[in-house]
Amino acid sequence: MSDDLVTAQVCDLARSLLMSSGAGCGKTYRMVERYRHLVSQGILVTDIVAVTFTEKAAAELKDRVRQDCREQAALGGDDAPMWQQAARQLELAPIGTIHSFCARLLRENALAARIDPRFGQLDEREQSTLLRETVRTTLLGAGESPEYH
């Protein structure tokens, strides 16, 4: 795919964008380019969602977008305050893994979802323990069911 075609797709505001490729193929570069274009159109960074595979990738994307916003602000001009604001707002921007994105949605809609907004995510050890306990309880309970007698 030509560079011009990729740039046109990255800057197309009429649709969402999904990028999937191996390491070192330029996904972060293109995402920064997309952020630059969206912010230049007046869209707040807090209104742009980016889902990454790892927390490390999310942190790198935030850092690069922040740096790009600062570089745009340093150019001066009438839009410098907009770029400065975008750089400051990045800490609030929804950039993260699918897990953090879903957790954020659930916390923002905890009442409708009927869950405690202070819930936490299980780490791998906690997941394994909960799975073992659930299987054990289920199997022990199945032995007490009349259909198994």
Protein backbone atom coordinates (compact mmCIF):
# COMPACT_ATOMS: atom_id res chain seq x y z
CA MET A 1 0.00 0.00 0.00
CA SER A 2 1.41 3.39 -0.94
CA ASP A 3 2.36 5.93 1.70
CA ASP A 4 -0.13 8.44 0.26
CA LEU A 5 -2.97 5.91 0.50
CA VAL A 6 -2.09 5.04 4.09
CA THR A 7 -1.94 8.72 5.01
CA ALA A 8 -5.34 9.28 3.37
CA GLN A 9 -6.82 6.42 5.40
CA VAL A 10 -5.24 7.65 8.63
CA CYS A 11 -6.69 11.12 8.07
CA ASP A 12 -10.20 9.91 7.08
CA LEU A 13 -12.40 11.19 9.90
CA ALA A 14 -15.51 9.51 8.54
CA ARG A 15 -14.53 6.10 9.89
CA SER A 16 -12.80 4.30 12.69
CA LEU A 17 -9.34 2.93 12.11
CA LEU A 18 -7.97 -0.51 12.98
CA MET A 19 -4.25 -1.11 12.56
CA SER A 20 -2.76 -4.54 12.94
CA SER A 21 0.80 -5.47 12.01
CA GLY A 22 4.03 -6.74 13.46
CA ALA A 23 6.48 -4.81 15.58
CA GLY A 24 8.38 -2.02 13.87
CA CYS A 25 5.90 -1.53 11.02
CA GLY A 26 4.94 2.03 11.92
CA LYS A 27 1.66 1.64 13.83
CA THR A 28 2.65 4.14 16.51
CA TYR A 29 3.89 6.61 13.90
CA ARG A 30 0.56 6.37 12.06
CA MET A 31 -1.43 6.68 15.29
CA VAL A 32 0.47 9.87 16.18
CA GLU A 33 -0.29 11.11 12.66
CA ARG A 34 -3.99 10.33 13.21
CA TYR A 35 -4.02 12.11 16.58
CA ARG A 36 -2.34 15.15 14.98
CA HIS A 37 -4.98 15.25 12.27
CA LEU A 38 -7.90 14.78 14.67
CA VAL A 39 -6.64 17.43 17.11
CA SER A 40 -6.02 19.84 14.24
CA GLN A 41 -9.73 19.42 13.41
CA GLY A 42 -10.66 20.50 16.95
CA ILE A 43 -11.27 17.06 18.43
CA LEU A 44 -10.17 16.74 22.05
CA VAL A 45 -7.69 13.97 22.89
CA THR A 46 -10.11 12.88 25.63
CA ASP A 47 -12.63 12.10 22.87
CA ILE A 48 -10.26 9.83 20.91
CA VAL A 49 -10.07 6.16 21.89
CA ALA A 50 -6.95 4.10 21.19
CA VAL A 51 -6.75 0.45 22.22
CA THR A 52 -3.33 -1.20 22.29
CA PHE A 53 -2.19 -4.73 22.97
CA THR A 54 0.01 -3.89 25.97
CA GLU A 55 0.25 -1.22 28.65
CA LYS A 56 3.80 -0.55 27.42
CA ALA A 57 2.47 0.23 23.93
CA ALA A 58 -0.21 2.51 25.41
CA ALA A 59 2.38 4.41 27.44
CA GLU A 60 4.61 4.78 24.38
CA LEU A 61 1.70 6.06 22.29
CA LYS A 62 0.78 8.63 24.96
CA ASP A 63 4.40 9.78 25.19
CA ARG A 64 4.75 10.15 21.44
CA VAL A 65 1.43 11.96 21.03
CA ARG A 66 2.37 14.29 23.91
CA GLN A 67 5.74 15.01 22.30
CA ASP A 68 4.06 15.67 18.94
CA CYS A 69 1.55 18.05 20.57
CA ARG A 70 4.41 19.92 22.24
CA GLU A 71 6.26 20.15 18.93
CA GLN A 72 3.12 21.52 17.23
CA ALA A 73 2.69 24.07 20.06
CA ALA A 74 6.34 25.13 19.74
CA LEU A 75 5.72 26.10 16.12
CA GLY A 76 3.69 29.00 17.50
CA GLY A 77 0.72 30.36 15.68
CA ASP A 78 -2.88 30.79 16.66
CA ASP A 79 -3.36 27.09 17.39
CA ALA A 80 -0.46 26.80 19.89
CA PRO A 81 -2.80 26.94 22.93
CA MET A 82 -4.89 24.10 21.46
CA TRP A 83 -1.78 21.92 21.14
CA GLN A 84 -0.64 22.82 24.67
CA GLN A 85 -4.06 21.84 26.02
CA ALA A 86 -3.96 18.56 24.09
CA ALA A 87 -0.55 17.73 25.59
CA ARG A 88 -1.88 18.42 29.10
CA GLN A 89 -5.07 16.39 28.59
CA LEU A 90 -3.29 13.24 27.46
CA GLU A 91 -3.23 11.83 30.99
CA LEU A 92 -7.03 11.71 30.80
CA ALA A 93 -7.15 10.31 27.27
CA PRO A 94 -8.59 6.82 26.83
CA ILE A 95 -5.43 5.14 25.56
CA GLY A 96 -4.83 1.66 26.91
CA THR A 97 -5.43 -2.06 26.59
CA ILE A 98 -8.82 -3.61 25.89
CA HIS A 99 -8.95 -4.52 29.59
CA SER A 100 -8.39 -0.95 30.75
CA PHE A 101 -10.84 0.37 28.15
CA CYS A 102 -13.58 -2.02 29.28
CA ALA A 103 -12.83 -1.32 32.96
CA ARG A 104 -13.19 2.41 32.28
CA LEU A 105 -16.53 1.88 30.52
CA LEU A 106 -17.79 -0.28 33.37
CA ARG A 107 -16.71 2.22 36.02
CA GLU A 108 -18.35 5.09 34.13
CA ASN A 109 -21.55 3.04 33.89
CA ALA A 110 -21.36 1.13 37.16
CA LEU A 111 -24.89 1.96 38.23
CA ALA A 112 -26.42 0.76 34.96
CA ALA A 113 -24.18 -2.35 35.03
CA ARG A 114 -25.10 -2.94 38.70
CA ILE A 115 -21.49 -3.32 39.78
CA ASP A 116 -19.26 -1.73 42.39
CA PRO A 117 -17.28 1.02 40.59
CA ARG A 118 -14.31 0.24 42.85
CA PHE A 119 -13.88 -3.22 41.32
CA GLY A 120 -10.39 -4.34 40.43
CA GLN A 121 -8.87 -6.57 37.80
CA LEU A 122 -7.52 -9.95 38.80
CA ASP A 123 -3.87 -10.69 38.20
CA GLU A 124 -2.88 -14.08 36.76
CA ARG A 125 -2.38 -15.67 40.18
CA GLU A 126 -5.78 -14.47 41.40
CA GLN A 127 -7.41 -15.70 38.19
CA SER A 128 -5.88 -19.14 38.60
CA THR A 129 -6.96 -19.37 42.24
CA LEU A 130 -10.51 -18.25 41.48
CA LEU A 131 -10.77 -20.72 38.59
CA ARG A 132 -9.59 -23.63 40.77
CA GLU A 133 -12.02 -22.68 43.54
CA THR A 134 -14.92 -22.32 41.10
CA VAL A 135 -14.23 -25.67 39.42
CA ARG A 136 -13.87 -27.37 42.80
CA THR A 137 -17.10 -25.84 44.14
CA THR A 138 -18.97 -26.68 40.94
CA LEU A 139 -17.76 -30.27 40.88
CA LEU A 140 -18.49 -30.79 44.58
CA GLY A 141 -21.93 -29.23 44.12
CA ALA A 142 -22.62 -31.43 41.10
CA GLY A 143 -22.05 -34.52 43.25
CA GLU A 144 -24.80 -33.37 45.61
CA SER A 145 -27.31 -32.79 42.80
CA PRO A 146 -30.17 -35.38 42.61
CA GLU A 147 -29.49 -35.96 38.91
CA TYR A 148 -26.10 -37.48 39.79
CA HIS A 149 -27.46 -39.97 42.36
